[in-house]
Amino acid sequence: MAWTSILGIALLLWVAWDLYAGSVWLHREYFRNQDPWSYWILILVWILVAVSCFYW
């Protein structure tokens, strides 16, 4: 298994945890109930980064 696939799996697990916890990090913490647009955009960004690891 390539290291990029391992990284992609780790990032997907991180996204799953962020969905469960209701907060996501970029340069600061965003909460689902306080800033929903930023939260969902960042979740989408992290999912895209994770999926791109499988196509590297």
PDB file of N, CA and C in Angstrom:
ATOM      1  N   MET A   1       0.856  -1.178   0.000  1.00  0.00           N
ATOM      2  CA  MET A   1       0.000   0.000   0.000  1.00  0.00           C
ATOM      3  C   MET A   1       0.901   1.241   0.000  1.00  0.00           C
ATOM      4  N   ALA A   2       0.597   2.167  -0.867  1.00  0.00           N
ATOM      5  CA  ALA A   2       1.389   3.396  -0.983  1.00  0.00           C
ATOM      6  C   ALA A   2       1.135   4.312   0.217  1.00  0.00           C
ATOM      7  N   TRP A   3       2.125   5.137   0.505  1.00  0.00           N
ATOM      8  CA  TRP A   3       1.984   6.043   1.657  1.00  0.00           C
ATOM      9  C   TRP A   3       0.872   7.052   1.425  1.00  0.00           C
ATOM     10  N   THR A   4       0.591   7.379   0.164  1.00  0.00           N
ATOM     11  CA  THR A   4      -0.480   8.334  -0.100  1.00  0.00           C
ATOM     12  C   THR A   4      -1.852   7.729   0.211  1.00  0.00           C
ATOM     13  N   SER A   5      -1.986   6.426  -0.005  1.00  0.00           N
ATOM     14  CA  SER A   5      -3.244   5.757   0.357  1.00  0.00           C
ATOM     15  C   SER A   5      -3.428   5.744   1.865  1.00  0.00           C
ATOM     16  N   ILE A   6      -2.353   5.503   2.594  1.00  0.00           N
ATOM     17  CA  ILE A   6      -2.420   5.531   4.055  1.00  0.00           C
ATOM     18  C   ILE A   6      -2.801   6.928   4.536  1.00  0.00           C
ATOM     19  N   LEU A   7      -2.210   7.945   3.916  1.00  0.00           N
ATOM     20  CA  LEU A   7      -2.549   9.324   4.257  1.00  0.00           C
ATOM     21  C   LEU A   7      -4.016   9.617   3.951  1.00  0.00           C
ATOM     22  N   GLY A   8      -4.514   9.140   2.819  1.00  0.00           N
ATOM     23  CA  GLY A   8      -5.916   9.339   2.460  1.00  0.00           C
ATOM     24  C   GLY A   8      -6.860   8.696   3.455  1.00  0.00           C
ATOM     25  N   ILE A   9      -6.521   7.477   3.897  1.00  0.00           N
ATOM     26  CA  ILE A   9      -7.347   6.792   4.897  1.00  0.00           C
ATOM     27  C   ILE A   9      -7.325   7.567   6.212  1.00  0.00           C
ATOM     28  N   ALA A  10      -6.141   8.032   6.612  1.00  0.00           N
ATOM     29  CA  ALA A  10      -6.030   8.804   7.854  1.00  0.00           C
ATOM     30  C   ALA A  10      -6.850  10.088   7.777  1.00  0.00           C
ATOM     31  N   LEU A  11      -6.811  10.761   6.636  1.00  0.00           N
ATOM     32  CA  LEU A  11      -7.586  11.996   6.484  1.00  0.00           C
ATOM     33  C   LEU A  11      -9.088  11.717   6.484  1.00  0.00           C
ATOM     34  N   LEU A  12      -9.503  10.618   5.879  1.00  0.00           N
ATOM     35  CA  LEU A  12     -10.926  10.267   5.907  1.00  0.00           C
ATOM     36  C   LEU A  12     -11.384   9.937   7.324  1.00  0.00           C
ATOM     37  N   LEU A  13     -10.533   9.285   8.100  1.00  0.00           N
ATOM     38  CA  LEU A  13     -10.866   9.026   9.505  1.00  0.00           C
ATOM     39  C   LEU A  13     -10.972  10.333  10.282  1.00  0.00           C
ATOM     40  N   TRP A  14     -10.077  11.264   9.965  1.00  0.00           N
ATOM     41  CA  TRP A  14     -10.110  12.578  10.603  1.00  0.00           C
ATOM     42  C   TRP A  14     -11.418  13.305  10.270  1.00  0.00           C
ATOM     43  N   VAL A  15     -11.830  13.243   9.010  1.00  0.00           N
ATOM     44  CA  VAL A  15     -13.087  13.867   8.592  1.00  0.00           C
ATOM     45  C   VAL A  15     -14.266  13.209   9.317  1.00  0.00           C
ATOM     46  N   ALA A  16     -14.228  11.886   9.438  1.00  0.00           N
ATOM     47  CA  ALA A  16     -15.293  11.187  10.154  1.00  0.00           C
ATOM     48  C   ALA A  16     -15.363  11.660  11.607  1.00  0.00           C
ATOM     49  N   TRP A  17     -14.210  11.832  12.229  1.00  0.00           N
ATOM     50  CA  TRP A  17     -14.194  12.329  13.607  1.00  0.00           C
ATOM     51  C   TRP A  17     -14.744  13.759  13.677  1.00  0.00           C
ATOM     52  N   ASP A  18     -14.356  14.594  12.710  1.00  0.00           N
ATOM     53  CA  ASP A  18     -14.853  15.968  12.687  1.00  0.00           C
ATOM     54  C   ASP A  18     -16.373  16.010  12.523  1.00  0.00           C
ATOM     55  N   LEU A  19     -16.916  15.117  11.707  1.00  0.00           N
ATOM     56  CA  LEU A  19     -18.373  15.040  11.555  1.00  0.00           C
ATOM     57  C   LEU A  19     -19.033  14.624  12.864  1.00  0.00           C
ATOM     58  N   TYR A  20     -18.415  13.697  13.570  1.00  0.00           N
ATOM     59  CA  TYR A  20     -18.951  13.252  14.852  1.00  0.00           C
ATOM     60  C   TYR A  20     -18.842  14.354  15.909  1.00  0.00           C
ATOM     61  N   ALA A  21     -17.692  15.017  15.967  1.00  0.00           N
ATOM     62  CA  ALA A  21     -17.428  16.015  17.011  1.00  0.00           C
ATOM     63  C   ALA A  21     -18.132  17.344  16.755  1.00  0.00           C
ATOM     64  N   GLY A  22     -18.388  17.664  15.490  1.00  0.00           N
ATOM     65  CA  GLY A  22     -19.056  18.926  15.180  1.00  0.00           C
ATOM     66  C   GLY A  22     -18.124  20.112  15.085  1.00  0.00           C
ATOM     67  N   SER A  23     -16.827  19.840  14.925  1.00  0.00           N
ATOM     68  CA  SER A  23     -15.866  20.930  14.739  1.00  0.00           C
ATOM     69  C   SER A  23     -14.790  20.480  13.765  1.00  0.00           C
ATOM     70  N   VAL A  24     -14.219  21.443  13.074  1.00  0.00           N
ATOM     71  CA  VAL A  24     -13.178  21.162  12.092  1.00  0.00           C
ATOM     72  C   VAL A  24     -12.100  22.235  12.221  1.00  0.00           C
ATOM     73  N   TRP A  25     -10.864  21.850  11.918  1.00  0.00           N
ATOM     74  CA  TRP A  25      -9.733  22.768  12.036  1.00  0.00           C
ATOM     75  C   TRP A  25      -9.178  23.138  10.671  1.00  0.00           C
ATOM     76  N   LEU A  26      -8.793  24.388  10.526  1.00  0.00           N
ATOM     77  CA  LEU A  26      -7.945  24.831   9.430  1.00  0.00           C
ATOM     78  C   LEU A  26      -6.837  25.640  10.080  1.00  0.00           C
ATOM     79  N   HIS A  27      -7.019  26.900  10.240  1.00  0.00           N
ATOM     80  CA  HIS A  27      -6.067  27.720  11.008  1.00  0.00           C
ATOM     81  C   HIS A  27      -6.652  28.050  12.382  1.00  0.00           C
ATOM     82  N   ARG A  28      -7.932  27.752  12.547  1.00  0.00           N
ATOM     83  CA  ARG A  28      -8.624  27.843  13.835  1.00  0.00           C
ATOM     84  C   ARG A  28      -9.757  26.836  13.807  1.00  0.00           C
ATOM     85  N   GLU A  29     -10.419  26.672  14.924  1.00  0.00           N
ATOM     86  CA  GLU A  29     -11.497  25.695  15.016  1.00  0.00           C
ATOM     87  C   GLU A  29     -12.820  26.322  14.590  1.00  0.00           C
ATOM     88  N   TYR A  30     -13.533  25.621  13.721  1.00  0.00           N
ATOM     89  CA  TYR A  30     -14.863  26.032  13.276  1.00  0.00           C
ATOM     90  C   TYR A  30     -15.877  25.039  13.828  1.00  0.00           C
ATOM     91  N   PHE A  31     -16.972  25.558  14.384  1.00  0.00           N
ATOM     92  CA  PHE A  31     -18.001  24.716  14.973  1.00  0.00           C
ATOM     93  C   PHE A  31     -19.227  24.674  14.072  1.00  0.00           C
ATOM     94  N   ARG A  32     -19.832  23.484  13.977  1.00  0.00           N
ATOM     95  CA  ARG A  32     -20.998  23.284  13.114  1.00  0.00           C
ATOM     96  C   ARG A  32     -22.168  24.173  13.521  1.00  0.00           C
ATOM     97  N   ASN A  33     -22.384  24.353  14.811  1.00  0.00           N
ATOM     98  CA  ASN A  33     -23.546  25.120  15.252  1.00  0.00           C
ATOM     99  C   ASN A  33     -23.301  26.629  15.274  1.00  0.00           C
ATOM    100  N   GLN A  34     -22.056  27.085  15.267  1.00  0.00           N
ATOM    101  CA  GLN A  34     -21.759  28.516  15.305  1.00  0.00           C
ATOM    102  C   GLN A  34     -21.476  29.109  13.925  1.00  0.00           C
ATOM    103  N   ASP A  35     -20.844  28.333  13.056  1.00  0.00           N
ATOM    104  CA  ASP A  35     -20.463  28.815  11.728  1.00  0.00           C
ATOM    105  C   ASP A  35     -20.666  27.695  10.704  1.00  0.00           C
ATOM    106  N   PRO A  36     -21.945  27.370  10.405  1.00  0.00           N
ATOM    107  CA  PRO A  36     -22.216  26.181   9.592  1.00  0.00           C
ATOM    108  C   PRO A  36     -21.661  26.240   8.171  1.00  0.00           C
ATOM    109  N   TRP A  37     -21.675  27.403   7.521  1.00  0.00           N
ATOM    110  CA  TRP A  37     -21.157  27.479   6.152  1.00  0.00           C
ATOM    111  C   TRP A  37     -19.666  27.163   6.099  1.00  0.00           C
ATOM    112  N   SER A  38     -18.918  27.774   6.980  1.00  0.00           N
ATOM    113  CA  SER A  38     -17.476  27.509   7.008  1.00  0.00           C
ATOM    114  C   SER A  38     -17.194  26.060   7.376  1.00  0.00           C
ATOM    115  N   TYR A  39     -17.956  25.529   8.319  1.00  0.00           N
ATOM    116  CA  TYR A  39     -17.778  24.140   8.740  1.00  0.00           C
ATOM    117  C   TYR A  39     -17.950  23.190   7.558  1.00  0.00           C
ATOM    118  N   TRP A  40     -19.064  23.312   6.836  1.00  0.00           N
ATOM    119  CA  TRP A  40     -19.337  22.377   5.744  1.00  0.00           C
ATOM    120  C   TRP A  40     -18.403  22.580   4.564  1.00  0.00           C
ATOM    121  N   ILE A  41     -17.993  23.801   4.300  1.00  0.00           N
ATOM    122  CA  ILE A  41     -17.014  24.042   3.225  1.00  0.00           C
ATOM    123  C   ILE A  41     -15.685  23.395   3.573  1.00  0.00           C
ATOM    124  N   LEU A  42     -15.245  23.532   4.825  1.00  0.00           N
ATOM    125  CA  LEU A  42     -13.981  22.917   5.232  1.00  0.00           C
ATOM    126  C   LEU A  42     -14.069  21.391   5.256  1.00  0.00           C
ATOM    127  N   ILE A  43     -15.208  20.841   5.648  1.00  0.00           N
ATOM    128  CA  ILE A  43     -15.392  19.390   5.576  1.00  0.00           C
ATOM    129  C   ILE A  43     -15.252  18.933   4.128  1.00  0.00           C
ATOM    130  N   LEU A  44     -15.864  19.655   3.212  1.00  0.00           N
ATOM    131  CA  LEU A  44     -15.756  19.320   1.791  1.00  0.00           C
ATOM    132  C   LEU A  44     -14.312  19.417   1.308  1.00  0.00           C
ATOM    133  N   VAL A  45     -13.613  20.444   1.720  1.00  0.00           N
ATOM    134  CA  VAL A  45     -12.204  20.602   1.331  1.00  0.00           C
ATOM    135  C   VAL A  45     -11.376  19.427   1.842  1.00  0.00           C
ATOM    136  N   TRP A  46     -11.547  19.052   3.111  1.00  0.00           N
ATOM    137  CA  TRP A  46     -10.782  17.926   3.667  1.00  0.00           C
ATOM    138  C   TRP A  46     -11.132  16.617   2.970  1.00  0.00           C
ATOM    139  N   ILE A  47     -12.393  16.435   2.594  1.00  0.00           N
ATOM    140  CA  ILE A  47     -12.780  15.222   1.857  1.00  0.00           C
ATOM    141  C   ILE A  47     -12.097  15.202   0.492  1.00  0.00           C
ATOM    142  N   LEU A  48     -12.077  16.338  -0.192  1.00  0.00           N
ATOM    143  CA  LEU A  48     -11.417  16.409  -1.495  1.00  0.00           C
ATOM    144  C   LEU A  48      -9.920  16.146  -1.383  1.00  0.00           C
ATOM    145  N   VAL A  49      -9.296  16.682  -0.349  1.00  0.00           N
ATOM    146  CA  VAL A  49      -7.864  16.419  -0.139  1.00  0.00           C
ATOM    147  C   VAL A  49      -7.641  14.933   0.126  1.00  0.00           C
ATOM    148  N   ALA A  50      -8.486  14.330   0.956  1.00  0.00           N
ATOM    149  CA  ALA A  50      -8.330  12.914   1.290  1.00  0.00           C
ATOM    150  C   ALA A  50      -8.518  12.040   0.044  1.00  0.00           C
ATOM    151  N   VAL A  51      -9.542  12.312  -0.746  1.00  0.00           N
ATOM    152  CA  VAL A  51      -9.795  11.523  -1.941  1.00  0.00           C
ATOM    153  C   VAL A  51      -8.683  11.708  -2.980  1.00  0.00           C
ATOM    154  N   SER A  52      -8.133  12.908  -3.043  1.00  0.00           N
ATOM    155  CA  SER A  52      -7.041  13.147  -4.007  1.00  0.00           C
ATOM    156  C   SER A  52      -5.802  12.333  -3.663  1.00  0.00           C
ATOM    157  N   CYS A  53      -5.655  11.931  -2.427  1.00  0.00           N
ATOM    158  CA  CYS A  53      -4.504  11.102  -2.043  1.00  0.00           C
ATOM    159  C   CYS A  53      -4.534   9.738  -2.713  1.00  0.00           C
ATOM    160  N   PHE A  54      -5.715   9.256  -3.069  1.00  0.00           N
ATOM    161  CA  PHE A  54      -5.832   7.953  -3.724  1.00  0.00           C
ATOM    162  C   PHE A  54      -5.513   8.023  -5.217  1.00  0.00           C
ATOM    163  N   TYR A  55      -5.473   9.228  -5.781  1.00  0.00           N
ATOM    164  CA  TYR A  55      -5.209   9.397  -7.202  1.00  0.00           C
ATOM    165  C   TYR A  55      -3.847   9.985  -7.490  1.00  0.00           C
ATOM    166  N   TRP A  56      -3.016  10.114  -6.502  1.00  0.00           N
ATOM    167  CA  TRP A  56      -1.696  10.700  -6.662  1.00  0.00           C
ATOM    168  C   TRP A  56      -0.835   9.790  -7.482  1.00  0.00           C
TER     169      TRP A  56
END
